N, C-alpha and C. Protein backbone atom coordinates (compact mmCIF):
# COMPACT_ATOMS: atom_id res chain seq x y z
N MET A 1 66.49 9.67 -51.84
CA MET A 1 66.69 8.32 -52.34
C MET A 1 67.17 8.41 -53.78
N ILE A 2 68.28 7.83 -54.06
CA ILE A 2 68.85 7.82 -55.40
C ILE A 2 68.53 6.48 -56.05
N VAL A 3 67.96 6.56 -57.25
CA VAL A 3 67.59 5.35 -57.97
C VAL A 3 68.54 5.20 -59.15
N ALA A 4 69.06 4.00 -59.30
CA ALA A 4 70.01 3.74 -60.38
C ALA A 4 69.27 3.70 -61.72
N PHE A 5 69.97 4.12 -62.75
CA PHE A 5 69.41 4.15 -64.09
C PHE A 5 68.96 2.75 -64.51
N GLU A 6 69.70 1.75 -64.12
CA GLU A 6 69.35 0.37 -64.48
C GLU A 6 68.00 -0.02 -63.87
N SER A 7 67.74 0.45 -62.66
CA SER A 7 66.47 0.12 -62.01
C SER A 7 65.31 0.76 -62.76
N ILE A 8 65.48 2.00 -63.18
CA ILE A 8 64.43 2.69 -63.91
C ILE A 8 64.20 2.01 -65.26
N LYS A 9 65.28 1.63 -65.92
CA LYS A 9 65.18 0.95 -67.21
C LYS A 9 64.44 -0.37 -67.06
N ARG A 10 64.78 -1.13 -66.00
CA ARG A 10 64.12 -2.43 -65.76
C ARG A 10 62.65 -2.23 -65.44
N ALA A 11 62.32 -1.17 -64.70
CA ALA A 11 60.92 -0.90 -64.38
C ALA A 11 60.13 -0.63 -65.66
N GLY A 12 60.72 0.11 -66.60
CA GLY A 12 60.07 0.36 -67.89
C GLY A 12 59.84 -0.93 -68.66
N GLU A 13 60.82 -1.82 -68.64
CA GLU A 13 60.67 -3.10 -69.33
C GLU A 13 59.55 -3.93 -68.72
N ILE A 14 59.48 -3.93 -67.39
CA ILE A 14 58.43 -4.68 -66.70
C ILE A 14 57.06 -4.13 -67.07
N LEU A 15 56.94 -2.80 -67.12
CA LEU A 15 55.66 -2.20 -67.49
C LEU A 15 55.25 -2.58 -68.90
N LYS A 16 56.20 -2.63 -69.82
CA LYS A 16 55.89 -3.03 -71.19
C LYS A 16 55.42 -4.48 -71.24
N GLU A 17 56.06 -5.34 -70.45
CA GLU A 17 55.65 -6.75 -70.39
C GLU A 17 54.23 -6.87 -69.84
N ILE A 18 53.94 -6.10 -68.80
CA ILE A 18 52.60 -6.14 -68.21
C ILE A 18 51.56 -5.71 -69.23
N GLU A 19 51.82 -4.63 -69.96
CA GLU A 19 50.88 -4.15 -70.96
C GLU A 19 50.66 -5.19 -72.05
N ALA A 20 51.74 -5.86 -72.47
CA ALA A 20 51.61 -6.89 -73.50
C ALA A 20 50.77 -8.05 -73.00
N LEU A 21 50.99 -8.45 -71.75
CA LEU A 21 50.22 -9.55 -71.18
C LEU A 21 48.75 -9.17 -71.00
N GLN A 22 48.49 -7.94 -70.61
CA GLN A 22 47.10 -7.50 -70.47
C GLN A 22 46.40 -7.50 -71.81
N ALA A 23 47.09 -7.06 -72.86
CA ALA A 23 46.49 -7.06 -74.20
C ALA A 23 46.21 -8.49 -74.65
N GLU A 24 47.13 -9.38 -74.35
CA GLU A 24 46.93 -10.78 -74.73
C GLU A 24 45.75 -11.37 -73.97
N LEU A 25 45.65 -11.07 -72.69
CA LEU A 25 44.55 -11.57 -71.88
C LEU A 25 43.22 -11.02 -72.38
N ALA A 26 43.19 -9.76 -72.73
CA ALA A 26 41.97 -9.16 -73.26
C ALA A 26 41.58 -9.84 -74.56
N GLY A 27 42.55 -10.18 -75.38
CA GLY A 27 42.28 -10.85 -76.65
C GLY A 27 41.69 -12.24 -76.47
N LEU A 28 42.05 -12.90 -75.39
CA LEU A 28 41.54 -14.24 -75.15
C LEU A 28 40.04 -14.24 -74.89
N PHE A 29 39.54 -13.19 -74.27
CA PHE A 29 38.14 -13.16 -73.87
C PHE A 29 37.26 -12.29 -74.74
N SER A 30 37.82 -11.65 -75.74
CA SER A 30 36.98 -10.84 -76.62
C SER A 30 36.54 -11.68 -77.80
N SER A 31 35.35 -11.40 -78.29
CA SER A 31 34.82 -12.18 -79.41
C SER A 31 35.21 -11.59 -80.76
N LYS A 32 35.74 -10.36 -80.77
CA LYS A 32 36.04 -9.69 -82.03
C LYS A 32 37.53 -9.69 -82.36
N GLY A 33 38.33 -10.37 -81.61
CA GLY A 33 39.76 -10.37 -81.89
C GLY A 33 40.55 -9.91 -80.69
N SER A 34 41.74 -9.41 -80.95
CA SER A 34 42.63 -9.10 -79.85
C SER A 34 42.78 -7.60 -79.60
N THR A 35 41.82 -6.81 -80.05
CA THR A 35 41.94 -5.38 -79.81
C THR A 35 41.53 -5.06 -78.39
N ALA A 36 42.21 -4.13 -77.79
CA ALA A 36 41.92 -3.76 -76.41
C ALA A 36 40.58 -3.04 -76.33
N ALA A 37 40.19 -2.31 -77.38
CA ALA A 37 38.93 -1.58 -77.36
C ALA A 37 37.75 -2.54 -77.32
N ALA A 38 37.88 -3.67 -77.99
CA ALA A 38 36.79 -4.64 -78.01
C ALA A 38 36.62 -5.29 -76.64
N ALA A 39 37.68 -5.35 -75.85
CA ALA A 39 37.62 -5.99 -74.56
C ALA A 39 37.24 -5.02 -73.45
N ALA A 40 37.06 -3.74 -73.78
CA ALA A 40 36.71 -2.76 -72.77
C ALA A 40 35.34 -3.07 -72.20
N PRO A 41 35.15 -2.87 -70.90
CA PRO A 41 33.85 -3.18 -70.30
C PRO A 41 32.78 -2.21 -70.81
N LYS A 42 31.56 -2.70 -70.81
CA LYS A 42 30.44 -1.87 -71.27
C LYS A 42 30.19 -0.76 -70.27
N ARG A 43 29.92 0.43 -70.78
CA ARG A 43 29.64 1.57 -69.89
C ARG A 43 28.32 1.36 -69.20
N ARG A 44 28.25 1.83 -67.97
CA ARG A 44 27.01 1.75 -67.22
C ARG A 44 26.38 3.13 -67.15
N GLY A 45 25.09 3.17 -66.95
CA GLY A 45 24.41 4.44 -66.79
C GLY A 45 23.88 4.99 -68.09
N ARG A 46 23.55 6.26 -68.03
CA ARG A 46 22.97 6.96 -69.17
C ARG A 46 23.99 7.14 -70.28
N PRO A 47 23.58 6.99 -71.54
CA PRO A 47 24.52 7.23 -72.62
C PRO A 47 24.96 8.69 -72.67
N PRO A 48 26.18 8.96 -73.07
CA PRO A 48 26.66 10.34 -73.10
C PRO A 48 25.80 11.21 -74.00
N GLY A 49 25.50 12.40 -73.54
CA GLY A 49 24.75 13.35 -74.33
C GLY A 49 23.25 13.17 -74.29
N SER A 50 22.76 12.17 -73.56
CA SER A 50 21.32 11.93 -73.58
C SER A 50 20.55 12.95 -72.75
N GLY A 51 21.21 13.58 -71.77
CA GLY A 51 20.48 14.51 -70.92
C GLY A 51 20.98 15.93 -71.02
N VAL A 52 21.72 16.24 -72.05
CA VAL A 52 22.29 17.57 -72.16
C VAL A 52 21.19 18.59 -72.38
N GLY A 53 21.14 19.58 -71.52
CA GLY A 53 20.17 20.65 -71.68
C GLY A 53 18.79 20.33 -71.16
N LYS A 54 18.58 19.13 -70.67
CA LYS A 54 17.27 18.75 -70.18
C LYS A 54 17.30 18.80 -68.65
N ARG A 55 16.43 19.63 -68.08
CA ARG A 55 16.35 19.72 -66.64
C ARG A 55 14.97 19.29 -66.20
N ARG A 56 14.92 18.62 -65.07
CA ARG A 56 13.62 18.25 -64.54
C ARG A 56 12.96 19.47 -63.93
N LYS A 57 11.68 19.54 -64.07
CA LYS A 57 10.95 20.69 -63.56
C LYS A 57 10.13 20.24 -62.35
N MET A 58 10.12 21.08 -61.32
CA MET A 58 9.33 20.79 -60.14
C MET A 58 8.14 21.75 -60.11
N SER A 59 7.01 21.22 -59.76
CA SER A 59 5.82 22.06 -59.71
C SER A 59 5.89 22.99 -58.50
N ALA A 60 5.11 24.04 -58.55
CA ALA A 60 5.03 24.98 -57.43
C ALA A 60 4.51 24.27 -56.20
N GLU A 61 3.59 23.34 -56.39
CA GLU A 61 3.04 22.57 -55.27
C GLU A 61 4.14 21.73 -54.61
N GLY A 62 4.98 21.12 -55.42
CA GLY A 62 6.08 20.32 -54.88
C GLY A 62 7.07 21.16 -54.10
N ARG A 63 7.40 22.34 -54.63
CA ARG A 63 8.31 23.25 -53.91
C ARG A 63 7.70 23.68 -52.59
N ALA A 64 6.39 23.96 -52.60
CA ALA A 64 5.69 24.39 -51.38
C ALA A 64 5.72 23.28 -50.33
N ARG A 65 5.52 22.03 -50.75
CA ARG A 65 5.56 20.91 -49.80
C ARG A 65 6.94 20.78 -49.17
N ILE A 66 7.99 20.92 -49.99
CA ILE A 66 9.35 20.82 -49.48
C ILE A 66 9.63 21.95 -48.51
N ALA A 67 9.21 23.16 -48.84
CA ALA A 67 9.43 24.31 -47.96
C ALA A 67 8.69 24.13 -46.64
N ALA A 68 7.45 23.64 -46.70
CA ALA A 68 6.67 23.42 -45.48
C ALA A 68 7.33 22.37 -44.60
N ALA A 69 7.84 21.31 -45.20
CA ALA A 69 8.50 20.26 -44.42
C ALA A 69 9.77 20.79 -43.76
N ALA A 70 10.53 21.63 -44.49
CA ALA A 70 11.75 22.20 -43.92
C ALA A 70 11.41 23.13 -42.75
N LYS A 71 10.37 23.94 -42.91
CA LYS A 71 9.96 24.84 -41.82
C LYS A 71 9.51 24.04 -40.61
N ALA A 72 8.80 22.93 -40.84
CA ALA A 72 8.35 22.09 -39.73
C ALA A 72 9.54 21.46 -39.01
N ARG A 73 10.55 21.03 -39.77
CA ARG A 73 11.75 20.45 -39.13
C ARG A 73 12.44 21.47 -38.25
N TRP A 74 12.60 22.70 -38.77
CA TRP A 74 13.27 23.74 -38.00
C TRP A 74 12.43 24.12 -36.76
N ALA A 75 11.12 24.19 -36.91
CA ALA A 75 10.26 24.52 -35.77
C ALA A 75 10.40 23.45 -34.69
N LYS A 76 10.42 22.19 -35.08
CA LYS A 76 10.58 21.10 -34.11
C LYS A 76 11.95 21.18 -33.45
N PHE A 77 12.97 21.46 -34.22
CA PHE A 77 14.33 21.57 -33.69
C PHE A 77 14.39 22.68 -32.64
N HIS A 78 13.84 23.85 -32.97
CA HIS A 78 13.89 24.98 -32.05
C HIS A 78 13.01 24.73 -30.82
N ALA A 79 11.88 24.03 -30.99
CA ALA A 79 11.02 23.72 -29.85
C ALA A 79 11.74 22.75 -28.91
N ASP A 80 12.40 21.73 -29.45
CA ASP A 80 13.14 20.79 -28.62
C ASP A 80 14.29 21.49 -27.91
N LYS A 81 14.93 22.40 -28.60
CA LYS A 81 16.05 23.16 -28.02
C LYS A 81 15.57 24.04 -26.87
N ALA A 82 14.38 24.67 -27.03
CA ALA A 82 13.83 25.53 -25.98
C ALA A 82 13.41 24.69 -24.76
N LYS A 83 12.89 23.47 -25.01
CA LYS A 83 12.49 22.58 -23.91
C LYS A 83 13.67 22.18 -23.05
N SER A 84 14.79 21.89 -23.71
CA SER A 84 15.97 21.41 -22.97
C SER A 84 16.71 22.56 -22.30
N GLY A 85 16.39 23.80 -22.65
CA GLY A 85 16.99 24.94 -22.02
C GLY A 85 18.35 25.33 -22.58
N LYS A 86 18.74 24.73 -23.67
CA LYS A 86 20.03 25.05 -24.29
C LYS A 86 19.85 26.22 -25.25
N LYS A 87 20.91 26.99 -25.42
CA LYS A 87 20.88 28.10 -26.36
C LYS A 87 21.67 27.79 -27.59
């Protein structure tokens, strides 16, 4: 597909118009003026850097409970498999 230079040029102009309109729209709803940064939505979740290097620790008892539950699931799976006669 060959695209004419005029089409590419017009597409660039349209993109510039869209950006200008978006900036104007953002300025209408921001309380601090017409800067795009002021109109940016508030970040959700944990603030950056708040959990760096911090890992949750699990107790040995908690690990043992998880291991026991996993072994019980596998034992039930294999028992059901043996009952049905499938390999």
